[in-house]
Amino acid sequence: MTPGDPTCFGFGAPVCEEGETPRAPRWTRSRVLPSGAWSEWSLQDYGACVGPDAAVPVLTAEDFRRLPLPAPTLHVQPDGDWVLVNVETIVYTDPSPVTLTTDLLGHEVTVEATPREFTYDWGDGHSTTTRDAGRPYPALDVVHRYEQPGRVAITLTTQWTGRYRVAGDPQWRDVTGTAQTSVTGPALDVEERTSRLVSGTCRQTPDAPGCAGAAAG
């Protein structure tokens, strides 16, 4: 047996009260997809005493937080490397649940993780927390107006809730606790731009204000 073998119990069995059963040290491993590769075994505890109602292993909040939850993608509109002062910057993400498979005490466990809350750090000292995943333009579900020019990066922190089901047991059980993921988007220039009425296009008059010819001159 090797240290990563979940049948290796070289730590000594705990001394239990009457009616309790010694539980061996607990090892876990995980994979994102049923067809994916398993991670390495990781020792979680050195064993415990369990009662007669503890036949089904419990996926703890700590177990849940160790799973490789994929951070939802952060979408920003306008889609580019700049946004405008005093104009709505739109953000949205994907609220779809994620299904993962892990191994707990030799039992295969299916975990369904669901994004519950989204916190946007706008990079200018302000933040927004919402349960709305947002939608792309023309919707204005989750927006922010920058007040000053500068350079910012938006960070999305997602709070996840979960439920799990042990193989052979049809009952879904809630995870007691939550997990978090964070992702930061690319840097954005917050710019001020001035509108001008013109009689033609920049193609027609390259030297007009705001056209490339005027900037080059």
N, C-alpha and C. Protein backbone atom coordinates (compact mmCIF):
# COMPACT_ATOMS: atom_id res chain seq x y z
N MET A 1 0.84 -1.20 0.00
CA MET A 1 0.00 0.00 0.00
C MET A 1 0.88 1.25 0.00
N THR A 2 0.40 2.31 -0.58
CA THR A 2 1.11 3.58 -0.65
C THR A 2 0.35 4.64 0.13
N PRO A 3 1.00 5.77 0.49
CA PRO A 3 0.27 6.81 1.23
C PRO A 3 -0.95 7.33 0.51
N GLY A 4 -0.97 7.27 -0.81
CA GLY A 4 -2.12 7.73 -1.55
C GLY A 4 -3.22 6.70 -1.71
N ASP A 5 -3.02 5.53 -1.15
CA ASP A 5 -4.01 4.47 -1.23
C ASP A 5 -5.03 4.66 -0.13
N PRO A 6 -6.33 4.84 -0.48
CA PRO A 6 -7.33 5.08 0.56
C PRO A 6 -7.55 3.92 1.51
N THR A 7 -6.94 2.77 1.23
CA THR A 7 -7.05 1.64 2.15
C THR A 7 -5.87 1.60 3.13
N CYS A 8 -4.99 2.59 3.04
CA CYS A 8 -3.82 2.63 3.92
C CYS A 8 -4.21 3.39 5.18
N PHE A 9 -4.36 2.70 6.29
CA PHE A 9 -4.85 3.31 7.53
C PHE A 9 -3.76 3.26 8.61
N GLY A 10 -2.59 3.69 8.30
CA GLY A 10 -1.47 3.55 9.21
C GLY A 10 -1.44 4.56 10.32
N PHE A 11 -2.58 5.11 10.73
CA PHE A 11 -2.59 6.14 11.75
C PHE A 11 -3.24 5.64 13.05
N GLY A 12 -3.69 4.41 13.07
CA GLY A 12 -4.33 3.88 14.26
C GLY A 12 -5.80 4.19 14.30
N ALA A 13 -6.62 3.20 14.70
CA ALA A 13 -8.07 3.40 14.74
C ALA A 13 -8.44 4.22 15.97
N PRO A 14 -9.38 5.16 15.87
CA PRO A 14 -9.80 5.93 17.04
C PRO A 14 -10.56 5.06 18.03
N VAL A 15 -10.52 5.44 19.29
CA VAL A 15 -11.25 4.73 20.34
C VAL A 15 -12.65 5.35 20.41
N CYS A 16 -13.69 4.53 20.20
CA CYS A 16 -15.05 5.04 20.07
C CYS A 16 -15.92 4.61 21.24
N GLU A 17 -17.00 5.37 21.40
CA GLU A 17 -17.99 5.04 22.42
C GLU A 17 -18.85 3.87 21.95
N GLU A 18 -19.61 3.28 22.88
CA GLU A 18 -20.48 2.18 22.53
C GLU A 18 -21.52 2.64 21.52
N GLY A 19 -21.75 1.86 20.49
CA GLY A 19 -22.71 2.19 19.44
C GLY A 19 -22.10 2.95 18.28
N GLU A 20 -20.85 3.39 18.43
CA GLU A 20 -20.17 4.09 17.35
C GLU A 20 -19.19 3.15 16.66
N THR A 21 -18.88 3.50 15.44
CA THR A 21 -17.99 2.67 14.63
C THR A 21 -16.78 3.50 14.22
N PRO A 22 -15.57 2.95 14.36
CA PRO A 22 -14.40 3.69 13.90
C PRO A 22 -14.45 3.89 12.38
N ARG A 23 -14.21 5.11 11.97
CA ARG A 23 -14.10 5.37 10.53
C ARG A 23 -12.64 5.61 10.20
N ALA A 24 -12.19 4.98 9.13
CA ALA A 24 -10.79 5.07 8.73
C ALA A 24 -10.46 6.49 8.27
N PRO A 25 -9.17 6.83 8.21
CA PRO A 25 -8.77 8.12 7.65
C PRO A 25 -9.41 8.35 6.29
N ARG A 26 -9.73 9.59 6.03
CA ARG A 26 -10.48 9.93 4.81
C ARG A 26 -9.57 10.55 3.77
N TRP A 27 -9.63 9.98 2.56
CA TRP A 27 -8.88 10.50 1.42
C TRP A 27 -9.89 10.93 0.36
N THR A 28 -9.58 11.97 -0.37
CA THR A 28 -10.46 12.41 -1.45
C THR A 28 -9.65 12.66 -2.71
N ARG A 29 -10.34 12.57 -3.81
CA ARG A 29 -9.81 12.99 -5.11
C ARG A 29 -10.99 13.47 -5.93
N SER A 30 -10.75 14.17 -7.03
CA SER A 30 -11.85 14.77 -7.78
C SER A 30 -11.54 14.77 -9.27
N ARG A 31 -12.61 14.99 -10.05
CA ARG A 31 -12.47 15.21 -11.48
C ARG A 31 -13.64 16.07 -11.92
N VAL A 32 -13.44 16.91 -12.92
CA VAL A 32 -14.47 17.85 -13.36
C VAL A 32 -15.55 17.16 -14.16
N LEU A 33 -15.16 16.26 -15.04
CA LEU A 33 -16.11 15.55 -15.90
C LEU A 33 -16.03 14.05 -15.62
N PRO A 34 -17.16 13.33 -15.81
CA PRO A 34 -17.11 11.88 -15.60
C PRO A 34 -16.06 11.18 -16.44
N SER A 35 -15.74 11.75 -17.61
CA SER A 35 -14.76 11.13 -18.50
C SER A 35 -13.35 11.67 -18.26
N GLY A 36 -13.21 12.64 -17.34
CA GLY A 36 -11.91 13.27 -17.12
C GLY A 36 -11.00 12.45 -16.22
N ALA A 37 -9.77 12.93 -16.07
CA ALA A 37 -8.79 12.24 -15.24
C ALA A 37 -8.99 12.62 -13.77
N TRP A 38 -8.75 11.66 -12.90
CA TRP A 38 -8.84 11.91 -11.47
C TRP A 38 -7.61 12.68 -11.01
N SER A 39 -7.78 13.51 -9.99
CA SER A 39 -6.64 14.17 -9.34
C SER A 39 -5.92 13.17 -8.45
N GLU A 40 -4.80 13.59 -7.87
CA GLU A 40 -4.10 12.74 -6.91
C GLU A 40 -4.91 12.64 -5.62
N TRP A 41 -4.72 11.52 -4.89
CA TRP A 41 -5.38 11.37 -3.60
C TRP A 41 -4.84 12.41 -2.62
N SER A 42 -5.72 12.93 -1.76
CA SER A 42 -5.33 13.92 -0.76
C SER A 42 -5.93 13.52 0.60
N LEU A 43 -5.11 13.44 1.65
CA LEU A 43 -5.58 13.07 2.98
C LEU A 43 -6.37 14.22 3.58
N GLN A 44 -7.60 13.96 4.02
CA GLN A 44 -8.45 15.00 4.57
C GLN A 44 -8.54 14.94 6.09
N ASP A 45 -8.54 13.73 6.70
CA ASP A 45 -8.53 13.63 8.15
C ASP A 45 -7.98 12.27 8.54
N TYR A 46 -7.81 12.06 9.85
CA TYR A 46 -7.16 10.84 10.35
C TYR A 46 -8.14 9.84 10.93
N GLY A 47 -9.39 9.93 10.53
CA GLY A 47 -10.39 9.00 11.03
C GLY A 47 -11.27 9.64 12.08
N ALA A 48 -12.37 8.97 12.39
CA ALA A 48 -13.33 9.49 13.37
C ALA A 48 -14.24 8.37 13.83
N CYS A 49 -15.09 8.70 14.81
CA CYS A 49 -16.11 7.77 15.28
C CYS A 49 -17.45 8.22 14.71
N VAL A 50 -18.19 7.29 14.13
CA VAL A 50 -19.47 7.64 13.51
C VAL A 50 -20.57 6.78 14.10
N GLY A 51 -21.78 7.37 14.13
CA GLY A 51 -22.94 6.66 14.65
C GLY A 51 -23.57 5.77 13.60
N PRO A 52 -24.63 5.05 13.98
CA PRO A 52 -25.27 4.12 13.05
C PRO A 52 -25.96 4.81 11.87
N ASP A 53 -26.24 6.13 11.98
CA ASP A 53 -26.92 6.83 10.90
C ASP A 53 -25.94 7.49 9.94
N ALA A 54 -24.67 7.15 10.04
CA ALA A 54 -23.66 7.81 9.22
C ALA A 54 -23.14 6.91 8.12
N ALA A 55 -23.97 6.01 7.63
CA ALA A 55 -23.52 5.10 6.58
C ALA A 55 -23.21 5.83 5.29
N VAL A 56 -23.96 6.90 4.98
CA VAL A 56 -23.72 7.68 3.77
C VAL A 56 -22.69 8.75 4.09
N PRO A 57 -21.56 8.80 3.37
CA PRO A 57 -20.54 9.81 3.66
C PRO A 57 -21.08 11.22 3.43
N VAL A 58 -20.58 12.17 4.20
CA VAL A 58 -21.02 13.55 4.12
C VAL A 58 -19.99 14.37 3.37
N LEU A 59 -20.43 15.08 2.35
CA LEU A 59 -19.57 16.01 1.63
C LEU A 59 -19.60 17.33 2.39
N THR A 60 -18.52 17.69 3.03
CA THR A 60 -18.47 18.88 3.86
C THR A 60 -18.23 20.13 3.01
N ALA A 61 -18.39 21.29 3.67
CA ALA A 61 -18.09 22.55 2.98
C ALA A 61 -16.63 22.59 2.55
N GLU A 62 -15.74 22.03 3.37
CA GLU A 62 -14.33 22.00 2.99
C GLU A 62 -14.10 21.13 1.76
N ASP A 63 -14.79 19.99 1.69
CA ASP A 63 -14.70 19.14 0.51
C ASP A 63 -15.19 19.91 -0.72
N PHE A 64 -16.30 20.62 -0.55
CA PHE A 64 -16.90 21.37 -1.65
C PHE A 64 -15.93 22.44 -2.17
N ARG A 65 -15.26 23.13 -1.25
CA ARG A 65 -14.36 24.21 -1.66
C ARG A 65 -13.10 23.68 -2.34
N ARG A 66 -12.77 22.41 -2.09
CA ARG A 66 -11.58 21.84 -2.73
C ARG A 66 -11.84 21.38 -4.17
N LEU A 67 -13.11 21.30 -4.55
CA LEU A 67 -13.41 20.86 -5.91
C LEU A 67 -12.95 21.90 -6.93
N PRO A 68 -12.55 21.47 -8.11
CA PRO A 68 -12.05 22.42 -9.12
C PRO A 68 -13.21 23.12 -9.86
N LEU A 69 -13.91 24.00 -9.14
CA LEU A 69 -15.03 24.71 -9.76
C LEU A 69 -14.50 25.68 -10.80
N PRO A 70 -15.03 25.64 -12.01
CA PRO A 70 -14.57 26.56 -13.06
C PRO A 70 -15.21 27.94 -12.89
N ALA A 71 -14.40 28.98 -12.79
CA ALA A 71 -14.94 30.33 -12.64
C ALA A 71 -15.75 30.71 -13.87
N PRO A 72 -16.98 31.22 -13.70
CA PRO A 72 -17.78 31.65 -14.85
C PRO A 72 -17.05 32.74 -15.64
N THR A 73 -17.23 32.74 -16.95
CA THR A 73 -16.58 33.72 -17.81
C THR A 73 -17.17 35.10 -17.60
N LEU A 74 -16.30 36.11 -17.51
CA LEU A 74 -16.72 37.50 -17.37
C LEU A 74 -16.82 38.13 -18.75
N HIS A 75 -18.01 38.63 -19.10
CA HIS A 75 -18.23 39.33 -20.37
C HIS A 75 -18.43 40.81 -20.08
N VAL A 76 -17.76 41.66 -20.85
CA VAL A 76 -17.86 43.11 -20.68
C VAL A 76 -18.24 43.73 -22.01
N GLN A 77 -19.17 44.67 -21.97
CA GLN A 77 -19.55 45.43 -23.16
C GLN A 77 -19.50 46.91 -22.82
N PRO A 78 -18.89 47.76 -23.73
CA PRO A 78 -18.43 47.38 -25.07
C PRO A 78 -17.26 46.40 -25.02
N ASP A 79 -17.20 45.55 -26.04
CA ASP A 79 -16.21 44.49 -26.11
C ASP A 79 -14.93 45.05 -26.74
N GLY A 80 -13.99 45.40 -25.93
CA GLY A 80 -12.74 45.97 -26.42
C GLY A 80 -11.83 46.26 -25.25
N ASP A 81 -10.87 47.18 -25.46
CA ASP A 81 -9.94 47.51 -24.40
C ASP A 81 -10.21 48.88 -23.81
N TRP A 82 -11.40 49.44 -24.04
CA TRP A 82 -11.76 50.73 -23.47
C TRP A 82 -13.25 50.78 -23.18
N VAL A 83 -13.60 51.65 -22.22
CA VAL A 83 -14.99 51.97 -21.90
C VAL A 83 -15.06 53.48 -21.72
N LEU A 84 -16.27 54.03 -21.63
CA LEU A 84 -16.46 55.47 -21.58
C LEU A 84 -16.86 55.96 -20.19
N VAL A 85 -16.38 57.14 -19.86
CA VAL A 85 -16.82 57.82 -18.64
C VAL A 85 -18.30 58.18 -18.77
N ASN A 86 -19.04 57.97 -17.66
CA ASN A 86 -20.46 58.37 -17.57
C ASN A 86 -21.37 57.66 -18.57
N VAL A 87 -20.93 56.54 -19.08
CA VAL A 87 -21.75 55.70 -19.96
C VAL A 87 -21.75 54.29 -19.36
N GLU A 88 -22.90 53.61 -19.42
CA GLU A 88 -23.02 52.29 -18.80
C GLU A 88 -22.03 51.28 -19.39
N THR A 89 -21.22 50.68 -18.53
CA THR A 89 -20.43 49.51 -18.88
C THR A 89 -21.24 48.29 -18.47
N ILE A 90 -21.53 47.40 -19.39
CA ILE A 90 -22.38 46.24 -19.16
C ILE A 90 -21.52 45.02 -18.85
N VAL A 91 -21.93 44.24 -17.85
CA VAL A 91 -21.27 42.96 -17.57
C VAL A 91 -22.32 41.87 -17.46
N TYR A 92 -21.92 40.66 -17.80
CA TYR A 92 -22.80 39.51 -17.63
C TYR A 92 -21.96 38.24 -17.60
N THR A 93 -22.56 37.15 -17.13
CA THR A 93 -21.86 35.88 -17.03
C THR A 93 -22.86 34.75 -17.20
N ASP A 94 -22.37 33.52 -17.13
CA ASP A 94 -23.20 32.33 -17.32
C ASP A 94 -23.58 31.75 -15.96
N PRO A 95 -24.89 31.70 -15.63
CA PRO A 95 -25.30 31.18 -14.33
C PRO A 95 -25.58 29.68 -14.31
N SER A 96 -25.19 28.96 -15.35
CA SER A 96 -25.53 27.53 -15.45
C SER A 96 -24.85 26.71 -14.35
N PRO A 97 -25.56 25.74 -13.77
CA PRO A 97 -24.94 24.83 -12.80
C PRO A 97 -23.83 24.01 -13.46
N VAL A 98 -22.92 23.54 -12.64
CA VAL A 98 -21.80 22.71 -13.08
C VAL A 98 -21.86 21.38 -12.34
N THR A 99 -21.69 20.28 -13.05
CA THR A 99 -21.69 18.96 -12.44
C THR A 99 -20.27 18.41 -12.39
N LEU A 100 -19.87 17.96 -11.21
CA LEU A 100 -18.56 17.37 -11.01
C LEU A 100 -18.71 16.00 -10.36
N THR A 101 -17.67 15.20 -10.47
CA THR A 101 -17.66 13.89 -9.85
C THR A 101 -16.43 13.78 -8.96
N THR A 102 -16.61 13.29 -7.75
CA THR A 102 -15.49 13.11 -6.84
C THR A 102 -15.61 11.76 -6.15
N ASP A 103 -14.60 11.39 -5.40
CA ASP A 103 -14.59 10.12 -4.68
C ASP A 103 -14.45 10.43 -3.20
N LEU A 104 -15.34 9.88 -2.39
CA LEU A 104 -15.35 10.15 -0.96
C LEU A 104 -15.51 8.84 -0.21
N LEU A 105 -14.47 8.48 0.53
CA LEU A 105 -14.49 7.23 1.31
C LEU A 105 -14.80 6.02 0.44
N GLY A 106 -14.28 6.03 -0.77
CA GLY A 106 -14.51 4.92 -1.68
C GLY A 106 -15.84 4.97 -2.40
N HIS A 107 -16.65 6.00 -2.16
CA HIS A 107 -17.94 6.16 -2.83
C HIS A 107 -17.80 7.22 -3.93
N GLU A 108 -18.35 6.93 -5.09
CA GLU A 108 -18.40 7.95 -6.13
C GLU A 108 -19.53 8.93 -5.81
N VAL A 109 -19.22 10.21 -5.82
CA VAL A 109 -20.18 11.25 -5.45
C VAL A 109 -20.33 12.23 -6.61
N THR A 110 -21.59 12.49 -6.98
CA THR A 110 -21.89 13.50 -7.99
C THR A 110 -22.27 14.80 -7.29
N VAL A 111 -21.62 15.88 -7.68
CA VAL A 111 -21.85 17.18 -7.05
C VAL A 111 -22.40 18.14 -8.11
N GLU A 112 -23.49 18.81 -7.78
CA GLU A 112 -24.04 19.86 -8.65
C GLU A 112 -23.82 21.21 -7.95
N ALA A 113 -22.99 22.05 -8.57
CA ALA A 113 -22.68 23.37 -8.01
C ALA A 113 -23.41 24.43 -8.83
N THR A 114 -24.03 25.38 -8.13
CA THR A 114 -24.84 26.41 -8.79
C THR A 114 -24.36 27.79 -8.37
N PRO A 115 -24.05 28.68 -9.34
CA PRO A 115 -23.72 30.06 -8.98
C PRO A 115 -24.92 30.74 -8.32
N ARG A 116 -24.71 31.31 -7.13
CA ARG A 116 -25.82 31.92 -6.40
C ARG A 116 -25.72 33.44 -6.34
N GLU A 117 -24.50 33.96 -6.29
CA GLU A 117 -24.33 35.40 -6.09
C GLU A 117 -23.07 35.85 -6.81
N PHE A 118 -23.13 37.04 -7.39
CA PHE A 118 -22.02 37.57 -8.17
C PHE A 118 -21.61 38.93 -7.61
N THR A 119 -20.32 39.10 -7.36
CA THR A 119 -19.80 40.38 -6.89
C THR A 119 -18.81 40.90 -7.93
N TYR A 120 -19.09 42.10 -8.43
CA TYR A 120 -18.21 42.75 -9.41
C TYR A 120 -17.42 43.84 -8.71
N ASP A 121 -16.10 43.70 -8.69
CA ASP A 121 -15.22 44.77 -8.25
C ASP A 121 -14.82 45.53 -9.52
N TRP A 122 -15.26 46.77 -9.61
CA TRP A 122 -15.11 47.53 -10.86
C TRP A 122 -13.72 48.09 -11.06
N GLY A 123 -12.87 47.99 -10.05
CA GLY A 123 -11.50 48.47 -10.20
C GLY A 123 -11.32 49.95 -9.92
N ASP A 124 -12.41 50.65 -9.52
CA ASP A 124 -12.33 52.08 -9.23
C ASP A 124 -12.74 52.38 -7.78
N GLY A 125 -12.70 51.36 -6.92
CA GLY A 125 -13.11 51.55 -5.54
C GLY A 125 -14.56 51.23 -5.28
N HIS A 126 -15.32 50.86 -6.30
CA HIS A 126 -16.73 50.51 -6.15
C HIS A 126 -16.94 49.04 -6.49
N SER A 127 -18.00 48.46 -5.94
CA SER A 127 -18.35 47.07 -6.25
C SER A 127 -19.87 46.92 -6.24
N THR A 128 -20.33 45.86 -6.87
CA THR A 128 -21.75 45.54 -6.94
C THR A 128 -21.93 44.06 -6.65
N THR A 129 -22.86 43.73 -5.74
CA THR A 129 -23.20 42.34 -5.46
C THR A 129 -24.64 42.10 -5.86
N THR A 130 -24.86 41.04 -6.63
CA THR A 130 -26.19 40.77 -7.18
C THR A 130 -26.36 39.28 -7.40
N ARG A 131 -27.61 38.85 -7.46
CA ARG A 131 -27.92 37.46 -7.85
C ARG A 131 -28.31 37.39 -9.32
N ASP A 132 -28.26 38.51 -10.00
CA ASP A 132 -28.59 38.59 -11.42
C ASP A 132 -27.32 38.37 -12.24
N ALA A 133 -27.32 37.33 -13.10
CA ALA A 133 -26.15 37.05 -13.92
C ALA A 133 -25.98 38.05 -15.06
N GLY A 134 -27.03 38.84 -15.32
CA GLY A 134 -26.93 39.84 -16.37
C GLY A 134 -27.17 39.26 -17.76
N ARG A 135 -27.31 40.17 -18.71
CA ARG A 135 -27.50 39.80 -20.12
C ARG A 135 -26.77 40.82 -20.99
N PRO A 136 -26.45 40.44 -22.23
CA PRO A 136 -25.76 41.38 -23.12
C PRO A 136 -26.69 42.51 -23.57
N TYR A 137 -26.07 43.53 -24.16
CA TYR A 137 -26.81 44.65 -24.73
C TYR A 137 -27.85 44.12 -25.72
N PRO A 138 -29.08 44.69 -25.73
CA PRO A 138 -29.49 45.97 -25.17
C PRO A 138 -29.97 45.92 -23.72
N ALA A 139 -29.90 44.76 -23.07
CA ALA A 139 -30.30 44.70 -21.67
C ALA A 139 -29.30 45.50 -20.83
N LEU A 140 -29.79 46.10 -19.77
CA LEU A 140 -28.95 46.87 -18.86
C LEU A 140 -29.16 46.34 -17.43
N ASP A 141 -29.02 45.02 -17.28
CA ASP A 141 -29.30 44.38 -15.99
C ASP A 141 -28.23 44.70 -14.95
N VAL A 142 -26.96 44.53 -15.33
CA VAL A 142 -25.86 44.78 -14.40
C VAL A 142 -24.89 45.74 -15.09
N VAL A 143 -24.83 46.96 -14.61
CA VAL A 143 -24.02 47.99 -15.27
C VAL A 143 -23.27 48.81 -14.23
N HIS A 144 -22.29 49.58 -14.72
CA HIS A 144 -21.55 50.51 -13.87
C HIS A 144 -21.14 51.71 -14.70
N ARG A 145 -21.20 52.88 -14.08
CA ARG A 145 -20.74 54.12 -14.74
C ARG A 145 -19.45 54.59 -14.06
N TYR A 146 -18.40 54.62 -14.83
CA TYR A 146 -17.14 55.17 -14.31
C TYR A 146 -17.23 56.69 -14.32
N GLU A 147 -16.72 57.29 -13.26
CA GLU A 147 -16.84 58.74 -13.09
C GLU A 147 -15.59 59.49 -13.54
N GLN A 148 -14.45 58.81 -13.61
CA GLN A 148 -13.20 59.46 -13.97
C GLN A 148 -12.43 58.61 -14.97
N PRO A 149 -11.67 59.26 -15.86
CA PRO A 149 -10.78 58.49 -16.74
C PRO A 149 -9.73 57.75 -15.91
N GLY A 150 -9.21 56.69 -16.48
CA GLY A 150 -8.17 55.93 -15.80
C GLY A 150 -8.02 54.56 -16.43
N ARG A 151 -7.39 53.67 -15.70
CA ARG A 151 -7.17 52.30 -16.17
C ARG A 151 -7.66 51.36 -15.08
N VAL A 152 -8.53 50.43 -15.44
CA VAL A 152 -9.16 49.56 -14.46
C VAL A 152 -9.16 48.12 -14.97
N ALA A 153 -9.44 47.20 -14.06
CA ALA A 153 -9.69 45.80 -14.41
C ALA A 153 -10.84 45.33 -13.54
N ILE A 154 -11.81 44.65 -14.13
CA ILE A 154 -13.00 44.19 -13.42
C ILE A 154 -12.77 42.76 -12.92
N THR A 155 -13.10 42.52 -11.66
CA THR A 155 -12.98 41.18 -11.07
C THR A 155 -14.37 40.67 -10.71
N LEU A 156 -14.67 39.47 -11.16
CA LEU A 156 -15.93 38.81 -10.84
C LEU A 156 -15.67 37.70 -9.83
N THR A 157 -16.30 37.82 -8.65
CA THR A 157 -16.24 36.78 -7.62
C THR A 157 -17.61 36.12 -7.54
N THR A 158 -17.66 34.82 -7.72
CA THR A 158 -18.91 34.07 -7.74
C THR A 158 -19.02 33.21 -6.49
N GLN A 159 -20.17 33.28 -5.84
CA GLN A 159 -20.45 32.40 -4.69
C GLN A 159 -21.30 31.24 -5.17
N TRP A 160 -20.89 30.03 -4.83
CA TRP A 160 -21.55 28.80 -5.27
C TRP A 160 -22.23 28.10 -4.10
N THR A 161 -23.40 27.55 -4.36
CA THR A 161 -24.01 26.58 -3.46
C THR A 161 -23.97 25.22 -4.14
N GLY A 162 -24.18 24.16 -3.36
CA GLY A 162 -24.07 22.84 -3.95
C GLY A 162 -24.98 21.81 -3.32
N ARG A 163 -25.21 20.74 -4.06
CA ARG A 163 -25.87 19.56 -3.53
C ARG A 163 -25.13 18.36 -4.10
N TYR A 164 -25.28 17.21 -3.44
CA TYR A 164 -24.52 16.04 -3.87
C TYR A 164 -25.37 14.78 -3.71
N ARG A 165 -24.96 13.76 -4.45
CA ARG A 165 -25.64 12.47 -4.39
C ARG A 165 -24.59 11.38 -4.45
N VAL A 166 -24.67 10.46 -3.50
CA VAL A 166 -23.74 9.34 -3.44
C VAL A 166 -24.24 8.22 -4.34
N ALA A 167 -23.33 7.60 -5.08
CA ALA A 167 -23.70 6.51 -5.98
C ALA A 167 -24.45 5.43 -5.22
N GLY A 168 -25.59 5.01 -5.76
CA GLY A 168 -26.42 4.01 -5.13
C GLY A 168 -27.48 4.58 -4.21
N ASP A 169 -27.42 5.89 -3.94
CA ASP A 169 -28.42 6.55 -3.09
C ASP A 169 -29.14 7.60 -3.94
N PRO A 170 -30.45 7.47 -4.13
CA PRO A 170 -31.15 8.40 -5.02
C PRO A 170 -31.34 9.80 -4.43
N GLN A 171 -31.06 9.99 -3.16
CA GLN A 171 -31.37 11.26 -2.49
C GLN A 171 -30.27 12.30 -2.73
N TRP A 172 -30.70 13.51 -3.14
CA TRP A 172 -29.79 14.65 -3.21
C TRP A 172 -29.70 15.28 -1.83
N ARG A 173 -28.51 15.67 -1.42
CA ARG A 173 -28.29 16.30 -0.12
C ARG A 173 -27.59 17.64 -0.33
N ASP A 174 -28.01 18.65 0.42
CA ASP A 174 -27.42 19.98 0.30
C ASP A 174 -26.05 20.02 0.98
N VAL A 175 -25.13 20.74 0.36
CA VAL A 175 -23.85 21.02 0.99
C VAL A 175 -24.06 22.15 2.00
N THR A 176 -23.59 21.95 3.21
CA THR A 176 -23.68 22.98 4.24
C THR A 176 -22.48 23.91 4.10
N GLY A 177 -22.69 25.05 3.45
CA GLY A 177 -21.60 25.98 3.19
C GLY A 177 -21.52 26.32 1.71
N THR A 178 -20.69 27.27 1.40
CA THR A 178 -20.55 27.74 0.03
C THR A 178 -19.08 27.72 -0.40
N ALA A 179 -18.87 27.91 -1.69
CA ALA A 179 -17.52 28.03 -2.25
C ALA A 179 -17.45 29.29 -3.09
N GLN A 180 -16.24 29.74 -3.40
CA GLN A 180 -16.07 30.95 -4.20
C GLN A 180 -15.05 30.73 -5.31
N THR A 181 -15.27 31.39 -6.44
CA THR A 181 -14.27 31.48 -7.49
C THR A 181 -14.14 32.94 -7.88
N SER A 182 -12.99 33.31 -8.43
CA SER A 182 -12.77 34.69 -8.88
C SER A 182 -12.04 34.68 -10.22
N VAL A 183 -12.38 35.65 -11.06
CA VAL A 183 -11.70 35.83 -12.33
C VAL A 183 -11.61 37.32 -12.60
N THR A 184 -10.47 37.76 -13.12
CA THR A 184 -10.25 39.16 -13.43
C THR A 184 -10.09 39.34 -14.93
N GLY A 185 -10.83 40.29 -15.48
CA GLY A 185 -10.77 40.55 -16.91
C GLY A 185 -9.54 41.36 -17.28
N PRO A 186 -9.31 41.57 -18.58
CA PRO A 186 -8.16 42.36 -19.02
C PRO A 186 -8.31 43.83 -18.61
N ALA A 187 -7.20 44.55 -18.59
CA ALA A 187 -7.21 45.96 -18.23
C ALA A 187 -7.99 46.76 -19.28
N LEU A 188 -8.73 47.76 -18.79
CA LEU A 188 -9.54 48.62 -19.65
C LEU A 188 -9.15 50.08 -19.43
N ASP A 189 -9.11 50.85 -20.50
CA ASP A 189 -8.92 52.30 -20.40
C ASP A 189 -10.29 52.95 -20.31
N VAL A 190 -10.49 53.74 -19.25
CA VAL A 190 -11.72 54.51 -19.10
C VAL A 190 -11.45 55.88 -19.74
N GLU A 191 -12.18 56.20 -20.80
CA GLU A 191 -11.87 57.38 -21.60
C GLU A 191 -13.04 58.35 -21.67
N GLU A 192 -12.70 59.62 -21.85
CA GLU A 192 -13.68 60.64 -22.18
C GLU A 192 -13.61 60.90 -23.67
N ARG A 193 -14.75 60.96 -24.32
CA ARG A 193 -14.79 61.24 -25.75
C ARG A 193 -15.85 62.30 -26.00
N THR A 194 -15.55 63.19 -26.96
CA THR A 194 -16.43 64.31 -27.27
C THR A 194 -17.09 64.10 -28.61
N SER A 195 -18.39 64.31 -28.65
CA SER A 195 -19.13 64.19 -29.92
C SER A 195 -19.12 65.53 -30.64
N ARG A 196 -19.00 65.48 -31.96
CA ARG A 196 -19.04 66.68 -32.78
C ARG A 196 -19.94 66.43 -33.98
N LEU A 197 -20.66 67.46 -34.36
CA LEU A 197 -21.44 67.39 -35.58
C LEU A 197 -20.54 67.72 -36.76
N VAL A 198 -20.54 66.86 -37.78
CA VAL A 198 -19.71 67.07 -38.96
C VAL A 198 -20.57 66.93 -40.20
N SER A 199 -20.07 67.49 -41.28
CA SER A 199 -20.84 67.49 -42.52
C SER A 199 -20.54 66.28 -43.38
N GLY A 200 -19.52 65.50 -43.03
CA GLY A 200 -19.16 64.33 -43.84
C GLY A 200 -18.49 63.28 -42.98
N THR A 201 -17.96 62.24 -43.61
CA THR A 201 -17.28 61.16 -42.90
C THR A 201 -15.77 61.39 -42.90
N CYS A 202 -15.07 60.65 -42.06
CA CYS A 202 -13.61 60.75 -42.03
C CYS A 202 -13.00 60.30 -43.34
N ARG A 203 -13.67 59.40 -44.06
CA ARG A 203 -13.17 58.98 -45.36
C ARG A 203 -13.22 60.16 -46.34
N GLN A 204 -14.27 60.95 -46.21
CA GLN A 204 -14.40 62.10 -47.10
C GLN A 204 -13.50 63.25 -46.69
N THR A 205 -13.34 63.45 -45.37
CA THR A 205 -12.54 64.57 -44.86
C THR A 205 -11.62 64.05 -43.76
N PRO A 206 -10.48 63.48 -44.13
CA PRO A 206 -9.59 62.88 -43.13
C PRO A 206 -9.05 63.87 -42.11
N ASP A 207 -9.04 65.17 -42.45
CA ASP A 207 -8.48 66.17 -41.55
C ASP A 207 -9.50 66.70 -40.54
N ALA A 208 -10.76 66.24 -40.62
CA ALA A 208 -11.79 66.75 -39.72
C ALA A 208 -11.48 66.37 -38.28
N PRO A 209 -11.96 67.17 -37.28
CA PRO A 209 -11.73 66.83 -35.88
C PRO A 209 -12.22 65.42 -35.55
N GLY A 210 -11.37 64.70 -34.85
CA GLY A 210 -11.72 63.33 -34.47
C GLY A 210 -11.32 62.29 -35.48
N CYS A 211 -10.83 62.71 -36.65
CA CYS A 211 -10.40 61.77 -37.68
C CYS A 211 -8.90 61.50 -37.58
N ALA A 212 -8.48 60.43 -38.22
CA ALA A 212 -7.07 60.04 -38.12
C ALA A 212 -6.14 61.08 -38.68
N GLY A 213 -6.56 61.76 -39.71
CA GLY A 213 -5.71 62.80 -40.30
C GLY A 213 -5.49 63.94 -39.36
N ALA A 214 -6.51 64.31 -38.61
CA ALA A 214 -6.37 65.40 -37.64
C ALA A 214 -5.44 64.99 -36.52
N ALA A 215 -5.53 63.75 -36.05
CA ALA A 215 -4.67 63.29 -34.98
C ALA A 215 -3.22 63.24 -35.44
N ALA A 216 -3.01 62.81 -36.70
CA ALA A 216 -1.66 62.71 -37.22
C ALA A 216 -1.02 64.06 -37.40
N GLY A 217 -1.85 65.09 -37.73
CA GLY A 217 -1.32 66.42 -37.92
C GLY A 217 -0.97 67.07 -36.61
